[in-house]
């Protein structure tokens, strides 16, 4: 059921994504070299990992999803914008790729804050050890 909900959420993301979505962040707070690593919410319940090879994964302990069950994605910076990046999810039902366009609001060695244009969600993460 969790996976079906995730698929529905990803499909909704595609439908809602727009070219003029939410604005990007303050580029003075963006140090792209800092994205690689493990990030989490302050309550240590939601995690995202960004690997240097452009792969990543995310999981939410509130949904009983562990790191071993994490959702995989690939990611890349938007070369035409200093403060934006893409996350790509491969659908389990088909080979379709669902992109998410994200605006970096802050990226430092300790803080990673971004919003997702399709979901209209803001993620405020801190570096995990």
C-alpha atoms as a PDB file:
ATOM      1  CA  UNK A   1       0.000   0.000   0.000  1.00  0.00           C
ATOM      2  CA  UNK A   2       2.865   2.389   0.809  1.00  0.00           C
ATOM      3  CA  UNK A   3       4.414   1.838  -2.595  1.00  0.00           C
ATOM      4  CA  UNK A   4       1.092   2.444  -4.351  1.00  0.00           C
ATOM      5  CA  UNK A   5       0.673   5.698  -2.421  1.00  0.00           C
ATOM      6  CA  UNK A   6       4.185   6.727  -3.422  1.00  0.00           C
ATOM      7  CA  UNK A   7       3.465   5.987  -7.095  1.00  0.00           C
ATOM      8  CA  UNK A   8       0.267   8.039  -6.915  1.00  0.00           C
ATOM      9  CA  UNK A   9       2.203  10.881  -5.303  1.00  0.00           C
ATOM     10  CA  UNK A  10       4.828  10.787  -8.033  1.00  0.00           C
ATOM     11  CA  UNK A  11       2.166  10.877 -10.734  1.00  0.00           C
ATOM     12  CA  UNK A  12       0.573  13.860  -9.019  1.00  0.00           C
ATOM     13  CA  UNK A  13       3.983  15.537  -8.993  1.00  0.00           C
ATOM     14  CA  UNK A  14       4.288  15.213 -12.749  1.00  0.00           C
ATOM     15  CA  UNK A  15       0.825  16.684 -13.246  1.00  0.00           C
ATOM     16  CA  UNK A  16       1.488  19.631 -10.949  1.00  0.00           C
ATOM     17  CA  UNK A  17       4.980  20.569 -12.090  1.00  0.00           C
ATOM     18  CA  UNK A  18       5.085  23.905 -13.842  1.00  0.00           C
ATOM     19  CA  UNK A  19       7.792  25.968 -15.495  1.00  0.00           C
ATOM     20  CA  UNK A  20       7.000  29.011 -13.385  1.00  0.00           C
ATOM     21  CA  UNK A  21       6.612  27.190 -10.042  1.00  0.00           C
ATOM     22  CA  UNK A  22       8.045  28.326  -6.737  1.00  0.00           C
ATOM     23  CA  UNK A  23      11.011  30.652  -6.857  1.00  0.00           C
ATOM     24  CA  UNK A  24      14.530  29.561  -6.136  1.00  0.00           C
ATOM     25  CA  UNK A  25      16.595  30.433  -3.157  1.00  0.00           C
ATOM     26  CA  UNK A  26      19.296  32.892  -2.365  1.00  0.00           C
ATOM     27  CA  UNK A  27      22.298  31.783  -4.388  1.00  0.00           C
ATOM     28  CA  UNK A  28      24.691  33.149  -1.754  1.00  0.00           C
ATOM     29  CA  UNK A  29      23.596  30.236   0.498  1.00  0.00           C
ATOM     30  CA  UNK A  30      24.316  27.568  -2.117  1.00  0.00           C
ATOM     31  CA  UNK A  31      27.563  25.617  -2.031  1.00  0.00           C
ATOM     32  CA  UNK A  32      26.896  22.767  -4.477  1.00  0.00           C
ATOM     33  CA  UNK A  33      29.858  20.769  -3.219  1.00  0.00           C
ATOM     34  CA  UNK A  34      28.033  20.249   0.090  1.00  0.00           C
ATOM     35  CA  UNK A  35      25.081  18.204  -1.232  1.00  0.00           C
ATOM     36  CA  UNK A  36      26.908  14.860  -1.117  1.00  0.00           C
ATOM     37  CA  UNK A  37      26.205  12.992   2.102  1.00  0.00           C
ATOM     38  CA  UNK A  38      23.437  11.926   4.436  1.00  0.00           C
ATOM     39  CA  UNK A  39      20.765  14.431   5.505  1.00  0.00           C
ATOM     40  CA  UNK A  40      17.908  14.149   7.997  1.00  0.00           C
ATOM     41  CA  UNK A  41      15.147  16.129   9.627  1.00  0.00           C
ATOM     42  CA  UNK A  42      15.782  17.451  13.137  1.00  0.00           C
ATOM     43  CA  UNK A  43      13.516  14.749  14.612  1.00  0.00           C
ATOM     44  CA  UNK A  44      15.673  12.074  12.891  1.00  0.00           C
ATOM     45  CA  UNK A  45      12.658  10.494  11.185  1.00  0.00           C
ATOM     46  CA  UNK A  46      13.180  11.401   7.491  1.00  0.00           C
ATOM     47  CA  UNK A  47      16.460  10.837   5.631  1.00  0.00           C
ATOM     48  CA  UNK A  48      17.955  11.593   2.225  1.00  0.00           C
ATOM     49  CA  UNK A  49      21.319  10.428   0.904  1.00  0.00           C
ATOM     50  CA  UNK A  50      23.058  12.061  -2.068  1.00  0.00           C
ATOM     51  CA  UNK A  51      26.011  10.135  -3.502  1.00  0.00           C
ATOM     52  CA  UNK A  52      28.762  11.721  -5.588  1.00  0.00           C
ATOM     53  CA  UNK A  53      27.878   9.460  -8.547  1.00  0.00           C
ATOM     54  CA  UNK A  54      24.427  11.084  -8.918  1.00  0.00           C
ATOM     55  CA  UNK A  55      22.491   8.357  -7.112  1.00  0.00           C
ATOM     56  CA  UNK A  56      20.560   8.702  -3.898  1.00  0.00           C
ATOM     57  CA  UNK A  57      17.888   7.305  -1.646  1.00  0.00           C
ATOM     58  CA  UNK A  58      15.290   8.508   0.836  1.00  0.00           C
ATOM     59  CA  UNK A  59      13.212   6.944   3.582  1.00  0.00           C
ATOM     60  CA  UNK A  60      10.785   7.995   6.278  1.00  0.00           C
ATOM     61  CA  UNK A  61      10.702   6.111   9.579  1.00  0.00           C
ATOM     62  CA  UNK A  62       7.235   7.570  10.308  1.00  0.00           C
ATOM     63  CA  UNK A  63       5.968   5.430   7.415  1.00  0.00           C
ATOM     64  CA  UNK A  64       7.783   2.340   8.725  1.00  0.00           C
ATOM     65  CA  UNK A  65      10.240   2.572   5.850  1.00  0.00           C
ATOM     66  CA  UNK A  66      13.807   1.732   6.823  1.00  0.00           C
ATOM     67  CA  UNK A  67      17.041   2.498   5.014  1.00  0.00           C
ATOM     68  CA  UNK A  68      17.034  -1.023   3.560  1.00  0.00           C
ATOM     69  CA  UNK A  69      13.599  -0.278   2.027  1.00  0.00           C
ATOM     70  CA  UNK A  70      14.532   3.227   0.866  1.00  0.00           C
ATOM     71  CA  UNK A  71      13.298   4.711  -2.390  1.00  0.00           C
ATOM     72  CA  UNK A  72      16.145   5.175  -4.866  1.00  0.00           C
ATOM     73  CA  UNK A  73      16.571   8.152  -7.159  1.00  0.00           C
ATOM     74  CA  UNK A  74      19.164   9.806  -9.342  1.00  0.00           C
ATOM     75  CA  UNK A  75      19.934  13.498  -9.147  1.00  0.00           C
ATOM     76  CA  UNK A  76      21.765  16.271 -10.960  1.00  0.00           C
ATOM     77  CA  UNK A  77      22.162  20.017 -10.720  1.00  0.00           C
ATOM     78  CA  UNK A  78      20.384  22.199 -13.252  1.00  0.00           C
ATOM     79  CA  UNK A  79      23.273  23.628 -15.259  1.00  0.00           C
ATOM     80  CA  UNK A  80      21.199  26.650 -16.310  1.00  0.00           C
ATOM     81  CA  UNK A  81      20.399  27.740 -12.733  1.00  0.00           C
ATOM     82  CA  UNK A  82      22.734  28.097  -9.772  1.00  0.00           C
ATOM     83  CA  UNK A  83      20.135  27.137  -7.160  1.00  0.00           C
ATOM     84  CA  UNK A  84      18.143  24.271  -8.712  1.00  0.00           C
ATOM     85  CA  UNK A  85      18.477  20.514  -9.065  1.00  0.00           C
ATOM     86  CA  UNK A  86      16.524  17.556 -10.388  1.00  0.00           C
ATOM     87  CA  UNK A  87      15.603  14.302  -8.653  1.00  0.00           C
ATOM     88  CA  UNK A  88      14.524  11.430 -10.908  1.00  0.00           C
ATOM     89  CA  UNK A  89      12.476   8.469  -9.656  1.00  0.00           C
ATOM     90  CA  UNK A  90      12.036   5.285 -11.689  1.00  0.00           C
ATOM     91  CA  UNK A  91       8.488   3.932 -11.489  1.00  0.00           C
ATOM     92  CA  UNK A  92       8.178   0.375 -10.192  1.00  0.00           C
ATOM     93  CA  UNK A  93       5.239  -0.418 -12.452  1.00  0.00           C
ATOM     94  CA  UNK A  94       6.989   0.638 -15.652  1.00  0.00           C
ATOM     95  CA  UNK A  95      10.318   2.031 -16.757  1.00  0.00           C
ATOM     96  CA  UNK A  96       8.944   5.585 -16.682  1.00  0.00           C
ATOM     97  CA  UNK A  97      11.124   8.210 -15.029  1.00  0.00           C
ATOM     98  CA  UNK A  98       9.412  10.842 -12.887  1.00  0.00           C
ATOM     99  CA  UNK A  99      11.398  14.079 -12.514  1.00  0.00           C
ATOM    100  CA  UNK A 100      11.132  16.475  -9.596  1.00  0.00           C
ATOM    101  CA  UNK A 101      12.446  20.006 -10.021  1.00  0.00           C
ATOM    102  CA  UNK A 102      13.761  21.429  -6.762  1.00  0.00           C
ATOM    103  CA  UNK A 103      14.816  24.911  -5.660  1.00  0.00           C
ATOM    104  CA  UNK A 104      17.736  25.076  -3.252  1.00  0.00           C
ATOM    105  CA  UNK A 105      16.994  27.606  -0.540  1.00  0.00           C
ATOM    106  CA  UNK A 106      20.113  26.888   1.532  1.00  0.00           C
ATOM    107  CA  UNK A 107      22.991  24.466   1.153  1.00  0.00           C
ATOM    108  CA  UNK A 108      25.906  24.591   3.574  1.00  0.00           C
ATOM    109  CA  UNK A 109      28.020  22.012   5.359  1.00  0.00           C
ATOM    110  CA  UNK A 110      25.325  21.634   8.044  1.00  0.00           C
ATOM    111  CA  UNK A 111      21.992  22.732   6.505  1.00  0.00           C
ATOM    112  CA  UNK A 112      20.120  21.742   3.353  1.00  0.00           C
ATOM    113  CA  UNK A 113      16.807  23.418   2.696  1.00  0.00           C
ATOM    114  CA  UNK A 114      14.934  23.053  -0.578  1.00  0.00           C
ATOM    115  CA  UNK A 115      11.440  23.080  -1.958  1.00  0.00           C
ATOM    116  CA  UNK A 116       9.944  20.758  -4.501  1.00  0.00           C
ATOM    117  CA  UNK A 117       7.972  22.574  -7.166  1.00  0.00           C
ATOM    118  CA  UNK A 118       5.610  19.693  -7.961  1.00  0.00           C
ATOM    119  CA  UNK A 119       4.684  18.786  -4.395  1.00  0.00           C
ATOM    120  CA  UNK A 120       4.856  22.339  -3.058  1.00  0.00           C
ATOM    121  CA  UNK A 121       6.761  20.902  -0.107  1.00  0.00           C
ATOM    122  CA  UNK A 122       9.748  22.379   1.701  1.00  0.00           C
ATOM    123  CA  UNK A 123      12.426  20.129   3.188  1.00  0.00           C
ATOM    124  CA  UNK A 124      14.577  21.463   6.015  1.00  0.00           C
ATOM    125  CA  UNK A 125      17.401  18.988   6.587  1.00  0.00           C
ATOM    126  CA  UNK A 126      20.537  18.873   8.685  1.00  0.00           C
ATOM    127  CA  UNK A 127      23.706  16.878   8.113  1.00  0.00           C
ATOM    128  CA  UNK A 128      23.503  13.389   9.614  1.00  0.00           C
ATOM    129  CA  UNK A 129      26.564  11.754  11.129  1.00  0.00           C
END
